[in-house]
Amino acid sequence: MATSSAGPSENGWLLHDVIRIPNASCPSQLAVLRIWRHPGNIQTPKVDVYGRSRIYLQDAMQDPAQNVPRYAAHMQVEGECR
């Protein structure tokens, strides 16, 4: 599995969401999950016979020029239990 860094200093990565999850036994401690998104430069595919725009995995893997959106997540624990 390849690892990559994502964050504001990395080219093209955008902060997509921040999720804070409190510790049930210690309210002053939170797990903070930051989700980053790299939009890529994919063009919207043509509409198929069902009227939907679809990206098929096998097609996306065969055409490396298609740069599909990527996501990365970073989790850290903030706060202390007293």
Protein backbone atom coordinates (compact mmCIF):
# COMPACT_ATOMS: atom_id res chain seq x y z
CA MET A 1 0.00 0.00 0.00
CA ALA A 2 1.44 3.34 -1.02
CA THR A 3 1.45 6.20 1.41
CA SER A 4 1.27 9.84 0.51
CA SER A 5 1.19 13.04 2.44
CA ALA A 6 -1.74 15.39 2.14
CA GLY A 7 -2.18 18.82 3.57
CA PRO A 8 -2.23 22.50 2.78
CA SER A 9 1.44 22.50 1.82
CA GLU A 10 0.96 19.76 -0.76
CA ASN A 11 0.08 20.87 -4.28
CA GLY A 12 -3.64 20.61 -5.03
CA TRP A 13 -4.88 19.02 -1.76
CA LEU A 14 -7.98 20.63 -0.21
CA LEU A 15 -9.32 20.15 3.30
CA HIS A 16 -12.59 18.30 2.72
CA ASP A 17 -13.91 17.65 6.24
CA VAL A 18 -12.96 17.60 9.92
CA ILE A 19 -14.70 15.07 12.18
CA ARG A 20 -14.35 15.28 15.97
CA ILE A 21 -15.24 12.19 18.00
CA PRO A 22 -15.36 12.58 21.81
CA ASN A 23 -14.04 9.83 24.07
CA ALA A 24 -17.06 8.37 25.90
CA SER A 25 -15.13 7.87 29.14
CA CYS A 26 -13.22 11.16 28.96
CA PRO A 27 -15.14 14.14 27.45
CA SER A 28 -12.03 16.35 27.37
CA GLN A 29 -10.32 14.02 24.87
CA LEU A 30 -11.21 13.95 21.17
CA ALA A 31 -10.19 11.90 18.17
CA VAL A 32 -9.89 14.38 15.30
CA LEU A 33 -10.11 13.04 11.76
CA ARG A 34 -9.11 15.37 8.92
CA ILE A 35 -10.05 14.29 5.43
CA TRP A 36 -8.17 15.78 2.47
CA ARG A 37 -9.27 15.66 -1.17
CA HIS A 38 -7.24 16.03 -4.33
CA PRO A 39 -9.78 16.81 -7.07
CA GLY A 40 -7.67 15.65 -9.98
CA ASN A 41 -8.38 16.91 -13.47
CA ILE A 42 -10.94 14.45 -14.73
CA GLN A 43 -13.48 15.55 -17.32
CA THR A 44 -17.10 14.59 -16.78
CA PRO A 45 -17.70 11.41 -18.79
CA LYS A 46 -20.32 11.27 -21.49
CA VAL A 47 -23.83 10.24 -20.52
CA ASP A 48 -24.53 6.53 -21.05
CA VAL A 49 -27.74 4.97 -22.42
CA TYR A 50 -29.30 5.20 -18.95
CA GLY A 51 -28.70 8.95 -18.72
CA ARG A 52 -25.89 8.70 -16.14
CA SER A 53 -22.26 9.79 -16.20
CA ARG A 54 -20.15 6.90 -14.96
CA ILE A 55 -16.49 6.15 -14.36
CA TYR A 56 -15.67 2.46 -14.59
CA LEU A 57 -12.71 1.23 -12.57
CA GLN A 58 -11.22 -0.92 -15.32
CA ASP A 59 -11.33 2.03 -17.75
CA ALA A 60 -9.83 4.45 -15.23
CA MET A 61 -6.95 2.05 -14.50
CA GLN A 62 -6.16 1.56 -18.20
CA ASP A 63 -6.03 5.29 -18.95
CA PRO A 64 -3.45 6.92 -16.65
CA ALA A 65 -4.19 10.31 -18.20
CA GLN A 66 -7.51 10.26 -16.36
CA ASN A 67 -6.72 11.65 -12.96
CA VAL A 68 -9.60 10.62 -10.69
CA PRO A 69 -10.14 12.36 -7.33
CA ARG A 70 -8.11 11.00 -4.40
CA TYR A 71 -8.71 11.13 -0.66
CA ALA A 72 -6.39 10.96 2.33
CA ALA A 73 -7.18 10.92 6.04
CA HIS A 74 -5.18 11.93 9.09
CA MET A 75 -6.27 11.07 12.64
CA GLN A 76 -4.86 12.36 15.90
CA VAL A 77 -5.95 12.39 19.53
CA GLU A 78 -6.34 15.82 21.12
CA GLY A 79 -6.78 16.64 24.80
CA GLU A 80 -5.95 14.73 27.95
CA CYS A 81 -7.92 12.63 30.38
CA ARG A 82 -7.87 14.01 33.90
